[in-house]
Amino acid sequence: MPNAPRLLIENACYHLMVRGNQKQKVFLCDDDLQEYLERLRGYKKKFNFKLYGYCLMPTHVHIVGQIVVSRDLSKFMQALNRSYTAYFNDKYEKVGHLWQGRYRNKVIVKDQYLIDCISYVELNPIRAELVNSVCEYPWSSYRQRVLDDDSTILDKIAL
């Protein structure tokens, strides 16, 4: 059965999620997390994607942002995740799929829900009991967004 077409809306924000195949870990060390962020930084520039929040968890990824040309959303995510898969498979001498199916996306109306969605994403490490405080988790946008910790990857939200 073919996948249903994605709901894409011009000038909308999106909550994007992708999970490791069979819920496996997709980041095995800090270098892997840093590599994904570097690739995210590169592809957000290439596809003119505005990144407002993110959280890299051991088994999955959350990204919150906006793309200028809505039809480029799939190209952005495919390029990012294919690129990381090639890195991961090469590094760990694996073959095949890293991600479980295609990424999921939810449309976000640019209002208070956008801020709530970013907060939800950034609180994932606490819900997963990886840390006691969101400030302790280095692989989310929280410290950059809230504490103004040297953000070279996040874009300012224009509500």
N, C-alpha and C. Protein backbone atom coordinates (compact mmCIF):
# COMPACT_ATOMS: atom_id res chain seq x y z
N MET A 1 0.85 -1.17 0.00
CA MET A 1 0.00 0.00 0.00
C MET A 1 0.89 1.24 0.00
N PRO A 2 0.70 2.16 -0.93
CA PRO A 2 1.56 3.34 -1.00
C PRO A 2 1.31 4.28 0.17
N ASN A 3 2.34 5.06 0.47
CA ASN A 3 2.21 6.05 1.53
C ASN A 3 1.28 7.17 1.08
N ALA A 4 0.52 7.69 2.03
CA ALA A 4 -0.34 8.84 1.75
C ALA A 4 0.54 10.06 1.52
N PRO A 5 0.09 10.98 0.68
CA PRO A 5 0.89 12.18 0.45
C PRO A 5 1.00 13.01 1.74
N ARG A 6 2.11 13.69 1.87
CA ARG A 6 2.33 14.54 3.05
C ARG A 6 1.51 15.82 2.96
N LEU A 7 1.10 16.31 4.12
CA LEU A 7 0.46 17.61 4.20
C LEU A 7 1.56 18.65 4.25
N LEU A 8 1.68 19.44 3.20
CA LEU A 8 2.69 20.49 3.12
C LEU A 8 2.00 21.82 2.90
N ILE A 9 2.34 22.78 3.72
CA ILE A 9 1.71 24.10 3.67
C ILE A 9 2.81 25.14 3.56
N GLU A 10 2.66 26.06 2.63
CA GLU A 10 3.66 27.13 2.48
C GLU A 10 3.71 27.96 3.76
N ASN A 11 4.92 28.33 4.16
CA ASN A 11 5.19 29.17 5.32
C ASN A 11 4.76 28.56 6.65
N ALA A 12 4.58 27.25 6.70
CA ALA A 12 4.23 26.59 7.96
C ALA A 12 5.50 26.08 8.63
N CYS A 13 5.39 25.85 9.92
CA CYS A 13 6.47 25.22 10.67
C CYS A 13 6.12 23.74 10.80
N TYR A 14 7.16 22.93 11.05
CA TYR A 14 6.97 21.48 11.14
C TYR A 14 7.71 20.90 12.33
N HIS A 15 7.11 19.90 12.92
CA HIS A 15 7.78 19.04 13.90
C HIS A 15 8.10 17.76 13.14
N LEU A 16 9.39 17.51 12.93
CA LEU A 16 9.85 16.36 12.15
C LEU A 16 10.44 15.33 13.09
N MET A 17 10.11 14.06 12.86
CA MET A 17 10.59 12.99 13.71
C MET A 17 11.05 11.82 12.84
N VAL A 18 12.16 11.23 13.22
CA VAL A 18 12.64 10.03 12.56
C VAL A 18 13.23 9.12 13.63
N ARG A 19 12.96 7.83 13.51
CA ARG A 19 13.37 6.87 14.55
C ARG A 19 14.23 5.78 13.94
N GLY A 20 15.13 5.28 14.74
CA GLY A 20 15.99 4.18 14.31
C GLY A 20 15.17 2.94 13.97
N ASN A 21 15.62 2.20 12.98
CA ASN A 21 14.95 0.97 12.57
C ASN A 21 14.86 0.02 13.76
N GLN A 22 13.69 -0.52 13.99
CA GLN A 22 13.43 -1.42 15.12
C GLN A 22 13.80 -0.77 16.46
N LYS A 23 13.69 0.56 16.51
CA LYS A 23 13.98 1.37 17.70
C LYS A 23 15.43 1.22 18.16
N GLN A 24 16.32 0.88 17.21
CA GLN A 24 17.73 0.71 17.55
C GLN A 24 18.38 2.07 17.78
N LYS A 25 19.51 2.07 18.46
CA LYS A 25 20.27 3.28 18.66
C LYS A 25 20.87 3.73 17.33
N VAL A 26 20.76 5.02 17.07
CA VAL A 26 21.33 5.59 15.85
C VAL A 26 22.54 6.47 16.16
N PHE A 27 22.77 6.71 17.44
CA PHE A 27 23.94 7.45 17.90
C PHE A 27 24.62 6.60 18.97
N LEU A 28 25.81 6.12 18.67
CA LEU A 28 26.51 5.22 19.59
C LEU A 28 27.58 5.92 20.42
N CYS A 29 27.94 7.14 20.02
CA CYS A 29 28.92 7.91 20.79
C CYS A 29 28.71 9.40 20.48
N ASP A 30 29.37 10.25 21.25
CA ASP A 30 29.23 11.69 21.06
C ASP A 30 29.65 12.14 19.67
N ASP A 31 30.64 11.48 19.09
CA ASP A 31 31.06 11.85 17.73
C ASP A 31 29.92 11.68 16.73
N ASP A 32 29.09 10.67 16.92
CA ASP A 32 27.95 10.45 16.02
C ASP A 32 26.95 11.60 16.14
N LEU A 33 26.68 12.03 17.36
CA LEU A 33 25.76 13.14 17.59
C LEU A 33 26.30 14.42 16.95
N GLN A 34 27.59 14.66 17.14
CA GLN A 34 28.21 15.84 16.56
C GLN A 34 28.17 15.78 15.03
N GLU A 35 28.39 14.60 14.49
CA GLU A 35 28.34 14.42 13.03
C GLU A 35 26.94 14.73 12.49
N TYR A 36 25.90 14.25 13.17
CA TYR A 36 24.53 14.54 12.72
C TYR A 36 24.26 16.04 12.76
N LEU A 37 24.71 16.70 13.82
CA LEU A 37 24.50 18.15 13.92
C LEU A 37 25.23 18.90 12.80
N GLU A 38 26.44 18.46 12.47
CA GLU A 38 27.18 19.10 11.38
C GLU A 38 26.46 18.91 10.05
N ARG A 39 25.92 17.73 9.84
CA ARG A 39 25.17 17.48 8.61
C ARG A 39 23.88 18.29 8.60
N LEU A 40 23.22 18.39 9.74
CA LEU A 40 22.02 19.21 9.86
C LEU A 40 22.35 20.66 9.53
N ARG A 41 23.46 21.16 10.05
CA ARG A 41 23.89 22.53 9.77
C ARG A 41 24.07 22.74 8.26
N GLY A 42 24.71 21.80 7.60
CA GLY A 42 24.96 21.93 6.16
C GLY A 42 23.69 21.85 5.33
N TYR A 43 22.83 20.89 5.63
CA TYR A 43 21.63 20.72 4.83
C TYR A 43 20.59 21.81 5.10
N LYS A 44 20.58 22.39 6.29
CA LYS A 44 19.64 23.48 6.54
C LYS A 44 20.00 24.68 5.69
N LYS A 45 21.29 24.89 5.47
CA LYS A 45 21.71 25.98 4.58
C LYS A 45 21.36 25.66 3.13
N LYS A 46 21.66 24.44 2.71
CA LYS A 46 21.42 24.05 1.32
C LYS A 46 19.95 24.17 0.93
N PHE A 47 19.05 23.78 1.84
CA PHE A 47 17.62 23.76 1.53
C PHE A 47 16.85 24.94 2.13
N ASN A 48 17.56 25.92 2.68
CA ASN A 48 16.94 27.11 3.26
C ASN A 48 15.89 26.72 4.31
N PHE A 49 16.33 25.91 5.25
CA PHE A 49 15.48 25.43 6.35
C PHE A 49 15.82 26.25 7.59
N LYS A 50 14.81 26.82 8.21
CA LYS A 50 14.99 27.59 9.45
C LYS A 50 14.82 26.63 10.63
N LEU A 51 15.87 26.44 11.40
CA LEU A 51 15.86 25.50 12.52
C LEU A 51 15.56 26.26 13.80
N TYR A 52 14.46 25.88 14.47
CA TYR A 52 14.04 26.55 15.69
C TYR A 52 14.29 25.72 16.94
N GLY A 53 14.37 24.42 16.79
CA GLY A 53 14.62 23.55 17.94
C GLY A 53 14.93 22.13 17.47
N TYR A 54 15.62 21.38 18.32
CA TYR A 54 15.93 19.99 18.00
C TYR A 54 16.28 19.23 19.27
N CYS A 55 16.22 17.93 19.17
CA CYS A 55 16.70 17.05 20.23
C CYS A 55 17.13 15.74 19.59
N LEU A 56 18.38 15.39 19.80
CA LEU A 56 18.91 14.12 19.30
C LEU A 56 18.91 13.13 20.46
N MET A 57 18.08 12.13 20.36
CA MET A 57 17.98 11.09 21.39
C MET A 57 18.75 9.87 20.88
N PRO A 58 19.08 8.94 21.77
CA PRO A 58 19.85 7.77 21.31
C PRO A 58 19.19 7.00 20.16
N THR A 59 17.85 6.93 20.16
CA THR A 59 17.15 6.12 19.17
C THR A 59 16.35 6.92 18.15
N HIS A 60 16.26 8.23 18.32
CA HIS A 60 15.45 9.02 17.41
C HIS A 60 15.84 10.49 17.42
N VAL A 61 15.25 11.23 16.48
CA VAL A 61 15.57 12.65 16.30
C VAL A 61 14.27 13.44 16.22
N HIS A 62 14.27 14.62 16.85
CA HIS A 62 13.18 15.59 16.71
C HIS A 62 13.79 16.87 16.15
N ILE A 63 13.13 17.45 15.16
CA ILE A 63 13.56 18.71 14.56
C ILE A 63 12.32 19.59 14.43
N VAL A 64 12.44 20.86 14.83
CA VAL A 64 11.35 21.81 14.69
C VAL A 64 11.87 22.97 13.85
N GLY A 65 11.16 23.26 12.76
CA GLY A 65 11.61 24.36 11.92
C GLY A 65 10.66 24.65 10.79
N GLN A 66 11.15 25.45 9.86
CA GLN A 66 10.34 25.92 8.75
C GLN A 66 11.20 25.92 7.49
N ILE A 67 10.62 25.47 6.40
CA ILE A 67 11.34 25.47 5.13
C ILE A 67 10.68 26.49 4.20
N VAL A 68 11.49 27.20 3.45
CA VAL A 68 10.96 28.27 2.59
C VAL A 68 10.08 27.69 1.48
N VAL A 69 10.55 26.64 0.82
CA VAL A 69 9.78 26.00 -0.25
C VAL A 69 9.28 24.65 0.29
N SER A 70 7.99 24.54 0.54
CA SER A 70 7.45 23.37 1.23
C SER A 70 7.76 22.05 0.51
N ARG A 71 7.81 22.05 -0.81
CA ARG A 71 8.09 20.79 -1.53
C ARG A 71 9.52 20.32 -1.30
N ASP A 72 10.38 21.18 -0.75
CA ASP A 72 11.76 20.79 -0.46
C ASP A 72 11.91 20.10 0.90
N LEU A 73 10.83 20.02 1.66
CA LEU A 73 10.93 19.41 2.99
C LEU A 73 11.40 17.96 2.90
N SER A 74 10.81 17.18 2.01
CA SER A 74 11.22 15.79 1.86
C SER A 74 12.65 15.68 1.37
N LYS A 75 13.04 16.55 0.44
CA LYS A 75 14.42 16.54 -0.06
C LYS A 75 15.41 16.82 1.07
N PHE A 76 15.07 17.78 1.92
CA PHE A 76 15.91 18.13 3.06
C PHE A 76 16.09 16.92 4.00
N MET A 77 14.99 16.30 4.38
CA MET A 77 15.08 15.17 5.32
C MET A 77 15.74 13.96 4.68
N GLN A 78 15.45 13.69 3.42
CA GLN A 78 16.09 12.56 2.73
C GLN A 78 17.59 12.77 2.63
N ALA A 79 18.01 13.96 2.26
CA ALA A 79 19.44 14.23 2.12
C ALA A 79 20.14 14.11 3.47
N LEU A 80 19.56 14.69 4.50
CA LEU A 80 20.14 14.64 5.84
C LEU A 80 20.25 13.20 6.33
N ASN A 81 19.18 12.45 6.25
CA ASN A 81 19.18 11.09 6.82
C ASN A 81 19.93 10.08 5.96
N ARG A 82 19.91 10.24 4.65
CA ARG A 82 20.73 9.36 3.80
C ARG A 82 22.21 9.60 4.05
N SER A 83 22.56 10.85 4.17
CA SER A 83 23.96 11.22 4.41
C SER A 83 24.45 10.64 5.74
N TYR A 84 23.63 10.80 6.79
CA TYR A 84 24.03 10.26 8.09
C TYR A 84 24.08 8.73 8.06
N THR A 85 23.13 8.11 7.36
CA THR A 85 23.13 6.65 7.25
C THR A 85 24.43 6.16 6.60
N ALA A 86 24.86 6.82 5.55
CA ALA A 86 26.12 6.44 4.88
C ALA A 86 27.29 6.55 5.85
N TYR A 87 27.33 7.64 6.62
CA TYR A 87 28.38 7.82 7.64
C TYR A 87 28.33 6.69 8.67
N PHE A 88 27.14 6.42 9.21
CA PHE A 88 26.96 5.41 10.26
C PHE A 88 27.34 4.02 9.76
N ASN A 89 26.82 3.66 8.58
CA ASN A 89 27.10 2.33 8.04
C ASN A 89 28.58 2.14 7.73
N ASP A 90 29.22 3.17 7.23
CA ASP A 90 30.65 3.10 6.95
C ASP A 90 31.45 2.97 8.25
N LYS A 91 31.14 3.80 9.22
CA LYS A 91 31.88 3.81 10.48
C LYS A 91 31.75 2.48 11.24
N TYR A 92 30.54 1.94 11.27
CA TYR A 92 30.28 0.73 12.06
C TYR A 92 30.21 -0.53 11.21
N GLU A 93 30.62 -0.43 9.95
CA GLU A 93 30.63 -1.57 9.03
C GLU A 93 29.29 -2.29 8.99
N LYS A 94 28.24 -1.49 8.78
CA LYS A 94 26.86 -1.99 8.69
C LYS A 94 26.38 -1.84 7.24
N VAL A 95 25.27 -2.45 6.95
CA VAL A 95 24.60 -2.28 5.67
C VAL A 95 23.11 -2.13 5.91
N GLY A 96 22.42 -1.56 4.96
CA GLY A 96 20.96 -1.50 5.04
C GLY A 96 20.43 -0.27 5.72
N HIS A 97 19.17 -0.36 6.09
CA HIS A 97 18.43 0.77 6.65
C HIS A 97 18.87 1.08 8.07
N LEU A 98 19.01 2.36 8.36
CA LEU A 98 19.24 2.82 9.72
C LEU A 98 17.95 3.33 10.33
N TRP A 99 17.12 3.96 9.50
CA TRP A 99 15.89 4.60 9.98
C TRP A 99 14.68 3.72 9.74
N GLN A 100 13.70 3.82 10.61
CA GLN A 100 12.46 3.05 10.50
C GLN A 100 11.48 3.81 9.60
N GLY A 101 11.35 3.36 8.39
CA GLY A 101 10.41 3.99 7.46
C GLY A 101 10.77 5.43 7.16
N ARG A 102 9.81 6.15 6.64
CA ARG A 102 10.05 7.55 6.32
C ARG A 102 9.82 8.41 7.56
N TYR A 103 10.35 9.60 7.51
CA TYR A 103 10.19 10.50 8.65
C TYR A 103 8.73 10.90 8.79
N ARG A 104 8.37 11.31 10.00
CA ARG A 104 7.00 11.81 10.25
C ARG A 104 7.07 13.32 10.36
N ASN A 105 6.00 13.97 9.98
CA ASN A 105 5.94 15.42 10.15
C ASN A 105 4.56 15.86 10.62
N LYS A 106 4.57 16.87 11.47
CA LYS A 106 3.33 17.48 11.94
C LYS A 106 3.42 18.98 11.65
N VAL A 107 2.36 19.53 11.11
CA VAL A 107 2.31 20.95 10.81
C VAL A 107 2.09 21.71 12.11
N ILE A 108 2.80 22.81 12.26
CA ILE A 108 2.68 23.67 13.44
C ILE A 108 2.25 25.05 12.97
N VAL A 109 1.20 25.57 13.56
CA VAL A 109 0.80 26.94 13.29
C VAL A 109 1.72 27.85 14.10
N LYS A 110 2.23 28.90 13.47
CA LYS A 110 3.19 29.78 14.13
C LYS A 110 2.50 30.64 15.19
N ASP A 111 2.41 30.11 16.37
CA ASP A 111 1.87 30.86 17.50
C ASP A 111 2.45 30.21 18.76
N GLN A 112 1.73 30.25 19.84
CA GLN A 112 2.23 29.67 21.09
C GLN A 112 2.53 28.18 20.94
N TYR A 113 1.81 27.47 20.07
CA TYR A 113 2.05 26.04 19.90
C TYR A 113 3.46 25.76 19.39
N LEU A 114 4.03 26.67 18.60
CA LEU A 114 5.40 26.50 18.14
C LEU A 114 6.35 26.46 19.33
N ILE A 115 6.20 27.39 20.25
CA ILE A 115 7.04 27.43 21.46
C ILE A 115 6.79 26.19 22.30
N ASP A 116 5.53 25.80 22.45
CA ASP A 116 5.19 24.59 23.22
C ASP A 116 5.81 23.35 22.59
N CYS A 117 5.79 23.26 21.28
CA CYS A 117 6.36 22.11 20.58
C CYS A 117 7.88 22.04 20.79
N ILE A 118 8.55 23.18 20.69
CA ILE A 118 9.99 23.21 20.92
C ILE A 118 10.29 22.76 22.35
N SER A 119 9.53 23.25 23.32
CA SER A 119 9.73 22.83 24.71
C SER A 119 9.50 21.34 24.89
N TYR A 120 8.46 20.82 24.26
CA TYR A 120 8.18 19.38 24.32
C TYR A 120 9.38 18.58 23.79
N VAL A 121 9.90 19.01 22.65
CA VAL A 121 11.04 18.33 22.03
C VAL A 121 12.25 18.38 22.96
N GLU A 122 12.53 19.54 23.52
CA GLU A 122 13.71 19.70 24.37
C GLU A 122 13.59 18.97 25.70
N LEU A 123 12.39 18.66 26.14
CA LEU A 123 12.20 17.93 27.40
C LEU A 123 12.27 16.41 27.24
N ASN A 124 12.44 15.92 26.03
CA ASN A 124 12.54 14.48 25.78
C ASN A 124 13.57 13.78 26.67
N PRO A 125 14.76 14.32 26.86
CA PRO A 125 15.76 13.63 27.69
C PRO A 125 15.32 13.44 29.14
N ILE A 126 14.49 14.33 29.66
CA ILE A 126 13.98 14.17 31.03
C ILE A 126 12.93 13.06 31.06
N ARG A 127 12.02 13.07 30.09
CA ARG A 127 11.00 12.01 30.04
C ARG A 127 11.64 10.63 29.86
N ALA A 128 12.75 10.58 29.14
CA ALA A 128 13.45 9.31 28.92
C ALA A 128 14.40 8.97 30.07
N GLU A 129 14.43 9.84 31.07
CA GLU A 129 15.26 9.65 32.27
C GLU A 129 16.75 9.55 31.94
N LEU A 130 17.18 10.34 30.94
CA LEU A 130 18.60 10.40 30.61
C LEU A 130 19.32 11.43 31.46
N VAL A 131 18.59 12.46 31.89
CA VAL A 131 19.13 13.52 32.74
C VAL A 131 18.05 13.97 33.72
N ASN A 132 18.45 14.70 34.75
CA ASN A 132 17.49 15.25 35.71
C ASN A 132 17.06 16.66 35.34
N SER A 133 17.89 17.35 34.61
CA SER A 133 17.59 18.72 34.20
C SER A 133 17.89 18.86 32.71
N VAL A 134 17.03 19.58 32.02
CA VAL A 134 17.21 19.78 30.59
C VAL A 134 18.54 20.50 30.30
N CYS A 135 19.03 21.27 31.24
CA CYS A 135 20.32 21.97 31.07
C CYS A 135 21.49 20.99 30.96
N GLU A 136 21.33 19.79 31.49
CA GLU A 136 22.41 18.80 31.49
C GLU A 136 22.58 18.10 30.14
N TYR A 137 21.58 18.17 29.29
CA TYR A 137 21.62 17.39 28.04
C TYR A 137 22.22 18.23 26.92
N PRO A 138 23.38 17.86 26.41
CA PRO A 138 24.04 18.70 25.41
C PRO A 138 23.53 18.53 23.98
N TRP A 139 22.63 17.59 23.74
CA TRP A 139 22.24 17.28 22.36
C TRP A 139 20.83 17.76 22.03
N SER A 140 20.44 18.85 22.64
CA SER A 140 19.18 19.51 22.29
C SER A 140 19.46 20.99 22.13
N SER A 141 18.48 21.70 21.62
CA SER A 141 18.64 23.13 21.38
C SER A 141 18.42 23.98 22.62
N TYR A 142 18.05 23.37 23.74
CA TYR A 142 17.66 24.13 24.92
C TYR A 142 18.72 25.14 25.36
N ARG A 143 19.95 24.69 25.56
CA ARG A 143 20.99 25.60 26.07
C ARG A 143 21.28 26.72 25.09
N GLN A 144 21.23 26.42 23.81
CA GLN A 144 21.45 27.45 22.81
C GLN A 144 20.29 28.44 22.77
N ARG A 145 19.08 27.91 22.85
CA ARG A 145 17.89 28.75 22.71
C ARG A 145 17.59 29.57 23.96
N VAL A 146 17.64 28.93 25.12
CA VAL A 146 17.24 29.59 26.35
C VAL A 146 18.40 30.27 27.07
N LEU A 147 19.54 29.60 27.13
CA LEU A 147 20.68 30.15 27.84
C LEU A 147 21.63 30.92 26.93
N ASP A 148 21.26 31.01 25.65
CA ASP A 148 22.05 31.72 24.65
C ASP A 148 23.48 31.19 24.58
N ASP A 149 23.60 29.86 24.60
CA ASP A 149 24.88 29.17 24.55
C ASP A 149 25.38 29.09 23.11
N ASP A 150 26.07 30.07 22.62
CA ASP A 150 26.78 30.03 21.34
C ASP A 150 26.05 29.25 20.24
N SER A 151 24.90 29.74 19.84
CA SER A 151 24.13 29.06 18.80
C SER A 151 24.61 29.45 17.41
N THR A 152 25.19 28.49 16.73
CA THR A 152 25.57 28.71 15.34
C THR A 152 24.67 27.92 14.41
N ILE A 153 23.71 27.19 14.99
CA ILE A 153 22.84 26.35 14.17
C ILE A 153 21.38 26.80 14.22
N LEU A 154 20.96 27.41 15.31
CA LEU A 154 19.55 27.81 15.45
C LEU A 154 19.27 29.13 14.75
N ASP A 155 18.04 29.26 14.28
CA ASP A 155 17.55 30.50 13.71
C ASP A 155 16.62 31.17 14.71
N LYS A 156 16.51 32.46 14.66
CA LYS A 156 15.59 33.20 15.52
C LYS A 156 14.16 32.98 15.04
N ILE A 157 13.26 32.82 15.98
CA ILE A 157 11.85 32.61 15.66
C ILE A 157 11.21 33.97 15.37
N ALA A 158 10.56 34.08 14.25
CA ALA A 158 9.83 35.30 13.90
C ALA A 158 8.35 35.00 13.96
N LEU A 159 7.74 35.29 15.11
CA LEU A 159 6.30 35.03 15.28
C LEU A 159 5.47 36.17 14.71
